[in-house]
Amino acid sequence: MQANFNSLKAFDYTQSTVHLWIFKKSAAARKFTAFFVRTDPALNALLKTIVRDEMVRLTECSQYSYLAETNDNSCLATAVSECNFHLLKAQVDRPEPEHPARDIKDLKGAEGYVVKFIHGAHTVYAVKRSTASWKTAYPKKYINMIFRNGELAAAEDNGFSIEKNFDFYCLDSSIFISGKRNFEATMEYKAAYAQAFASLRQKPDFSALFTDMQPLITYVGTNSIQLRRMAVVEQKGIYSRPNFLPNLQVVSQRRGWALNFDRTTNQIIACDQTAKTIMQVLLDHRLLSEITDEIYDVPDAVPI
């Protein structure tokens, strides 16, 4: 991971060739449609400046996980095989002259854009999710452009705007994420989270934990953060360990967590008041400090 991150930062963006593609979501199996947009030298130079500035800003890289977050100088790494990026890549790797944007409607309502920086045998794909339709914005945050004669050009006029950052990058088989929520929205992770939770509810060893799962299902709802947490629950599988329920019952009573258990089956009785605690327990995010003997809820649990 670190070697690939170093390669991303060391890539020669200055000498690279720039290709801009806009993309939209598709209901077809290919998931995306994309159009190549010709750009003038001035805009290409600005795009290179943006990516070089971003490479200076990004100094840390850690492994992507459902609950991991980025800071002002960090990114998260994952493999191309872990998401749908290969489908978008297939669209923007087609021959540019054969798939140009021919009309303003090809650009309107774009889901986002991909800037390909090509140098030698390697390509960096820089991806940014846009708003539902491109709009004029303040010059300090955006590059203003105008679409004329089939070409995008930097302009003083109000036109299409590109933000001065990217959400994620792809180099070889690795993806580096600086804007996690936009990355997940572009790659449709919420649908994957929802499917993971639906699958988890069907597992006998999980459903057997509860007298009734509905309060927990209601608590999770369609909230992206809660669905992401349930995906972590499935990934960790803490609930499937031997004696999970008896151990939980003992700890809950000792620590005063107020979880309720059926006296006959020892199953958890979920309710609105305990759903949050149940979630933290399933995540193994309710941790004891050996220094203060205090219990803390933590956003992510990384083993040391």
Protein backbone atom coordinates (compact mmCIF):
# COMPACT_ATOMS: atom_id res chain seq x y z
CA MET A 1 0.00 0.00 0.00
CA GLN A 2 2.69 2.50 0.98
CA ALA A 3 4.75 1.76 -2.15
CA ASN A 4 1.74 2.41 -4.39
CA PHE A 5 0.95 5.60 -2.48
CA ASN A 6 4.52 6.78 -3.00
CA SER A 7 4.17 6.03 -6.72
CA LEU A 8 0.98 8.10 -6.86
CA LYS A 9 2.75 11.08 -5.29
CA ALA A 10 5.90 10.66 -7.40
CA PHE A 11 4.00 10.41 -10.71
CA ASP A 12 5.16 13.01 -13.25
CA TYR A 13 1.96 15.01 -13.63
CA THR A 14 3.76 17.94 -15.22
CA GLN A 15 4.85 15.92 -18.24
CA SER A 16 1.65 13.89 -18.47
CA THR A 17 -1.01 13.99 -21.16
CA VAL A 18 -4.46 15.04 -19.90
CA HIS A 19 -7.80 13.57 -20.95
CA LEU A 20 -11.09 14.69 -19.38
CA TRP A 21 -14.16 12.41 -19.34
CA ILE A 22 -17.54 13.20 -17.83
CA PHE A 23 -19.71 10.32 -16.67
CA LYS A 24 -23.30 9.60 -15.72
CA LYS A 25 -24.95 6.67 -13.94
CA SER A 26 -26.59 4.04 -16.14
CA ALA A 27 -29.29 1.50 -15.36
CA ALA A 28 -27.56 -0.94 -17.70
CA ALA A 29 -25.10 -3.57 -16.51
CA ARG A 30 -22.19 -1.30 -17.43
CA LYS A 31 -23.35 1.08 -14.60
CA PHE A 32 -21.87 4.19 -16.27
CA THR A 33 -21.91 6.12 -19.53
CA ALA A 34 -19.05 8.49 -20.34
CA PHE A 35 -18.10 11.15 -22.87
CA PHE A 36 -14.66 12.46 -23.70
CA VAL A 37 -14.40 16.27 -23.57
CA ARG A 38 -11.63 18.06 -25.43
CA THR A 39 -9.78 20.61 -23.30
CA ASP A 40 -7.46 23.45 -24.23
CA PRO A 41 -3.83 23.82 -23.02
CA ALA A 42 -4.74 26.42 -20.38
CA LEU A 43 -7.29 24.13 -18.74
CA ASN A 44 -4.91 21.17 -18.94
CA ALA A 45 -2.29 23.23 -17.10
CA LEU A 46 -4.80 24.13 -14.39
CA LEU A 47 -5.79 20.48 -13.94
CA LYS A 48 -2.12 19.55 -13.52
CA THR A 49 -1.73 22.28 -10.92
CA ILE A 50 -4.72 20.94 -8.99
CA VAL A 51 -3.41 17.38 -8.86
CA ARG A 52 0.13 18.47 -7.94
CA ASP A 53 -1.24 20.59 -5.09
CA GLU A 54 -3.31 17.63 -3.90
CA MET A 55 -0.27 15.35 -3.93
CA VAL A 56 1.56 17.86 -1.72
CA ARG A 57 -1.44 17.97 0.65
CA LEU A 58 -1.73 14.19 0.98
CA THR A 59 1.00 12.99 3.32
CA GLU A 60 -0.63 9.99 5.04
CA CYS A 61 -2.27 6.83 3.80
CA SER A 62 -4.11 4.13 5.74
CA GLN A 63 -6.23 1.13 4.84
CA TYR A 64 -9.83 1.77 3.82
CA SER A 65 -12.50 0.36 6.11
CA TYR A 66 -16.21 1.02 6.43
CA LEU A 67 -15.73 3.29 9.45
CA ALA A 68 -12.30 4.79 8.75
CA GLU A 69 -12.19 8.55 8.13
CA THR A 70 -9.75 10.93 6.48
CA ASN A 71 -8.22 14.12 7.84
CA ASP A 72 -6.94 17.18 5.99
CA ASN A 73 -3.75 15.41 4.93
CA SER A 74 -4.71 11.77 4.61
CA CYS A 75 -6.29 9.32 2.23
CA LEU A 76 -7.58 5.75 2.44
CA ALA A 77 -6.35 2.92 0.23
CA THR A 78 -8.29 0.02 -1.22
CA ALA A 79 -8.04 -2.29 -4.21
CA VAL A 80 -9.83 -1.72 -7.52
CA SER A 81 -11.27 -5.22 -7.11
CA GLU A 82 -13.13 -4.08 -3.96
CA CYS A 83 -15.46 -1.66 -5.78
CA ASN A 84 -17.11 -0.83 -9.11
CA PHE A 85 -14.30 1.35 -10.40
CA HIS A 86 -13.37 -1.20 -13.09
CA LEU A 87 -16.74 -0.48 -14.72
CA LEU A 88 -16.08 3.26 -14.85
CA LYS A 89 -12.50 2.63 -16.00
CA ALA A 90 -13.79 0.53 -18.90
CA GLN A 91 -15.82 3.51 -20.11
CA VAL A 92 -13.05 6.09 -19.91
CA ASP A 93 -10.43 3.76 -21.40
CA ARG A 94 -12.24 3.68 -24.72
CA PRO A 95 -10.63 5.60 -27.64
CA GLU A 96 -11.23 9.30 -26.97
CA PRO A 97 -11.90 10.38 -30.60
CA GLU A 98 -14.69 7.81 -30.88
CA HIS A 99 -16.67 8.96 -27.84
CA PRO A 100 -16.70 12.78 -27.73
CA ALA A 101 -19.25 15.04 -26.07
CA ARG A 102 -21.09 16.53 -29.03
CA ASP A 103 -23.73 18.64 -27.33
CA ILE A 104 -24.25 20.56 -24.12
CA LYS A 105 -26.79 17.93 -23.01
CA ASP A 106 -23.96 15.39 -22.83
CA LEU A 107 -22.45 17.42 -19.99
CA LYS A 108 -25.58 18.51 -18.14
CA GLY A 109 -26.50 16.38 -15.16
CA ALA A 110 -23.14 14.61 -15.04
CA GLU A 111 -22.52 12.40 -12.01
CA GLY A 112 -18.89 13.42 -12.10
CA TYR A 113 -15.73 13.53 -14.15
CA VAL A 114 -12.50 11.60 -14.54
CA VAL A 115 -9.22 13.25 -15.45
CA LYS A 116 -6.69 10.81 -16.88
CA PHE A 117 -3.04 11.78 -16.45
CA ILE A 118 -0.98 9.59 -18.78
CA HIS A 119 2.80 9.38 -18.68
CA GLY A 120 4.82 6.54 -20.12
CA ALA A 121 3.16 3.20 -19.44
CA HIS A 122 1.15 4.43 -16.45
CA THR A 123 -2.11 6.33 -15.98
CA VAL A 124 -3.49 8.08 -12.91
CA TYR A 125 -7.27 8.38 -12.89
CA ALA A 126 -8.46 11.33 -10.78
CA VAL A 127 -12.20 11.26 -10.07
CA LYS A 128 -14.54 13.94 -8.78
CA ARG A 129 -18.25 13.63 -8.08
CA SER A 130 -20.18 16.67 -9.25
CA THR A 131 -23.55 18.06 -8.27
CA ALA A 132 -26.64 16.98 -10.23
CA SER A 133 -25.87 19.65 -12.79
CA TRP A 134 -22.80 21.80 -13.12
CA LYS A 135 -23.29 25.33 -11.93
CA THR A 136 -21.33 28.55 -11.77
CA ALA A 137 -19.40 29.05 -8.55
CA TYR A 138 -16.89 31.39 -7.01
CA PRO A 139 -13.49 31.42 -8.79
CA LYS A 140 -11.58 30.77 -5.54
CA LYS A 141 -13.08 27.29 -5.37
CA TYR A 142 -13.72 26.48 -9.01
CA ILE A 143 -12.18 26.76 -12.45
CA ASN A 144 -14.71 28.44 -14.73
CA MET A 145 -15.00 26.91 -18.19
CA ILE A 146 -17.06 27.34 -21.32
CA PHE A 147 -18.12 24.64 -23.77
CA ARG A 148 -17.83 25.87 -27.37
CA ASN A 149 -17.35 24.02 -30.64
CA GLY A 150 -17.09 20.69 -28.85
CA GLU A 151 -14.28 21.83 -26.55
CA LEU A 152 -13.99 22.92 -22.91
CA ALA A 153 -11.81 25.95 -22.26
CA ALA A 154 -10.90 28.00 -19.20
CA ALA A 155 -12.91 31.22 -19.25
CA GLU A 156 -13.84 34.30 -17.29
CA ASP A 157 -17.46 33.70 -18.29
CA ASN A 158 -19.89 31.78 -16.18
CA GLY A 159 -19.81 28.23 -17.46
CA PHE A 160 -19.12 24.75 -16.16
CA SER A 161 -17.00 24.54 -13.04
CA ILE A 162 -14.43 22.05 -11.80
CA GLU A 163 -13.56 21.98 -8.11
CA LYS A 164 -9.92 22.30 -7.13
CA ASN A 165 -9.67 18.81 -5.65
CA PHE A 166 -10.51 15.20 -6.43
CA ASP A 167 -12.40 12.58 -4.42
CA PHE A 168 -10.22 9.60 -5.27
CA TYR A 169 -7.40 8.40 -7.50
CA CYS A 170 -6.58 5.13 -9.18
CA LEU A 171 -3.09 3.96 -10.11
CA ASP A 172 -2.60 0.41 -11.35
CA SER A 173 -4.62 -1.85 -9.00
CA SER A 174 -4.93 0.62 -6.10
CA ILE A 175 -7.44 3.33 -5.25
CA PHE A 176 -6.61 6.23 -2.93
CA ILE A 177 -9.59 8.01 -1.40
CA SER A 178 -9.47 11.59 -0.15
CA GLY A 179 -13.24 12.22 -0.20
CA LYS A 180 -14.76 9.12 1.34
CA ARG A 181 -18.46 9.96 1.14
CA ASN A 182 -18.26 11.03 -2.49
CA PHE A 183 -16.25 7.92 -3.31
CA GLU A 184 -18.86 5.69 -1.69
CA ALA A 185 -21.72 7.53 -3.39
CA THR A 186 -20.05 7.29 -6.80
CA MET A 187 -19.27 3.60 -6.35
CA GLU A 188 -22.77 2.96 -4.90
CA TYR A 189 -21.56 1.61 -1.57
CA LYS A 190 -24.86 2.40 0.16
CA ALA A 191 -26.59 -0.25 -1.94
CA ALA A 192 -23.86 -2.69 -0.94
CA TYR A 193 -24.30 -1.78 2.74
CA ALA A 194 -28.05 -2.30 2.54
CA GLN A 195 -27.55 -5.68 0.87
CA ALA A 196 -25.00 -6.68 3.51
CA PHE A 197 -27.47 -5.86 6.29
CA ALA A 198 -30.24 -7.78 4.53
CA SER A 199 -27.92 -10.79 4.24
CA LEU A 200 -26.84 -10.48 7.86
CA ARG A 201 -30.45 -10.60 9.06
CA GLN A 202 -30.88 -13.92 7.28
CA LYS A 203 -27.97 -15.58 9.07
CA PRO A 204 -29.28 -17.99 11.74
CA ASP A 205 -26.49 -17.25 14.23
CA PHE A 206 -27.25 -13.52 14.01
CA SER A 207 -31.05 -13.69 14.08
CA ALA A 208 -30.82 -16.13 17.01
CA LEU A 209 -29.36 -13.33 19.16
CA PHE A 210 -32.74 -11.57 19.40
CA THR A 211 -36.27 -12.33 20.47
CA ASP A 212 -37.32 -9.77 17.84
CA MET A 213 -34.95 -7.99 15.45
CA GLN A 214 -37.42 -5.33 14.34
CA PRO A 215 -36.34 -2.61 16.85
CA LEU A 216 -32.76 -2.93 15.58
CA ILE A 217 -33.93 -2.90 11.95
CA THR A 218 -35.94 0.25 12.65
CA TYR A 219 -32.96 1.87 14.37
CA VAL A 220 -30.71 1.22 11.36
CA GLY A 221 -33.35 2.20 8.79
CA THR A 222 -31.85 3.54 5.55
CA ASN A 223 -29.25 5.72 7.26
CA SER A 224 -25.91 5.36 5.46
CA ILE A 225 -23.83 5.54 8.64
CA GLN A 226 -25.89 2.88 10.41
CA LEU A 227 -25.87 0.61 7.35
CA ARG A 228 -22.09 1.04 7.19
CA ARG A 229 -21.84 0.02 10.84
CA MET A 230 -23.92 -3.10 10.23
CA ALA A 231 -21.59 -4.02 7.37
CA VAL A 232 -18.77 -3.87 9.91
CA VAL A 233 -20.78 -6.06 12.28
CA GLU A 234 -21.04 -8.67 9.54
CA GLN A 235 -17.36 -8.28 8.68
CA LYS A 236 -16.14 -8.69 12.28
CA GLY A 237 -18.55 -11.48 13.22
CA ILE A 238 -18.10 -10.84 16.97
CA TYR A 239 -21.62 -12.13 17.56
CA SER A 240 -20.72 -15.62 16.27
CA ARG A 241 -18.00 -16.27 18.86
CA PRO A 242 -18.63 -19.05 21.42
CA ASN A 243 -20.51 -17.89 24.54
CA PHE A 244 -21.12 -14.41 23.09
CA LEU A 245 -24.58 -14.09 24.64
CA PRO A 246 -23.70 -15.43 28.12
CA ASN A 247 -20.60 -13.23 28.24
CA LEU A 248 -22.59 -10.19 27.11
CA GLN A 249 -25.22 -10.78 29.75
CA VAL A 250 -22.61 -10.97 32.52
CA VAL A 251 -20.79 -7.80 31.35
CA SER A 252 -24.03 -5.87 30.85
CA GLN A 253 -25.12 -6.61 34.43
CA ARG A 254 -21.67 -5.83 35.85
CA ARG A 255 -21.34 -2.55 33.96
CA GLY A 256 -24.94 -1.40 34.16
CA TRP A 257 -25.56 -1.27 30.41
CA ALA A 258 -29.27 -1.95 30.93
CA LEU A 259 -29.56 -4.51 28.15
CA ASN A 260 -32.58 -6.77 28.47
CA PHE A 261 -32.47 -10.56 28.07
CA ASP A 262 -35.18 -13.19 27.86
CA ARG A 263 -35.02 -15.26 31.06
CA THR A 264 -35.77 -18.51 29.26
CA THR A 265 -33.74 -18.26 26.06
CA ASN A 266 -31.14 -15.65 27.16
CA GLN A 267 -31.76 -13.84 23.85
CA ILE A 268 -31.45 -10.06 23.65
CA ILE A 269 -34.72 -8.17 23.91
CA ALA A 270 -34.09 -5.19 21.64
CA CYS A 271 -35.96 -1.91 22.06
CA ASP A 272 -35.65 1.76 21.11
CA GLN A 273 -33.76 2.58 24.31
CA THR A 274 -31.11 -0.13 23.94
CA ALA A 275 -30.62 -0.25 20.13
CA LYS A 276 -27.62 2.09 20.22
CA THR A 277 -25.90 0.06 22.96
CA ILE A 278 -26.59 -3.17 21.06
CA MET A 279 -24.95 -1.65 17.97
CA GLN A 280 -21.82 -0.68 19.92
CA VAL A 281 -21.60 -4.16 21.44
CA LEU A 282 -21.93 -5.87 18.06
CA LEU A 283 -19.21 -3.60 16.70
CA ASP A 284 -17.03 -4.27 19.75
CA HIS A 285 -16.73 -0.51 20.12
CA ARG A 286 -17.57 -0.38 23.83
CA LEU A 287 -14.09 -0.52 25.27
CA LEU A 288 -12.52 -0.44 28.74
CA SER A 289 -9.58 1.80 29.55
CA GLU A 290 -7.08 -0.07 31.70
CA ILE A 291 -5.76 3.27 32.96
CA THR A 292 -8.98 4.90 34.16
CA ASP A 293 -11.25 1.82 34.34
CA GLU A 294 -13.78 3.83 32.33
CA ILE A 295 -15.91 2.45 29.48
CA TYR A 296 -15.82 4.38 26.18
CA ASP A 297 -17.71 4.18 22.91
CA VAL A 298 -15.23 4.61 20.05
CA PRO A 299 -15.76 5.35 16.32
CA ASP A 300 -13.48 2.55 15.15
CA ALA A 301 -11.58 -0.24 16.87
CA VAL A 302 -8.15 -0.85 15.42
CA PRO A 303 -6.22 -3.70 17.11
CA ILE A 304 -2.77 -2.75 18.39
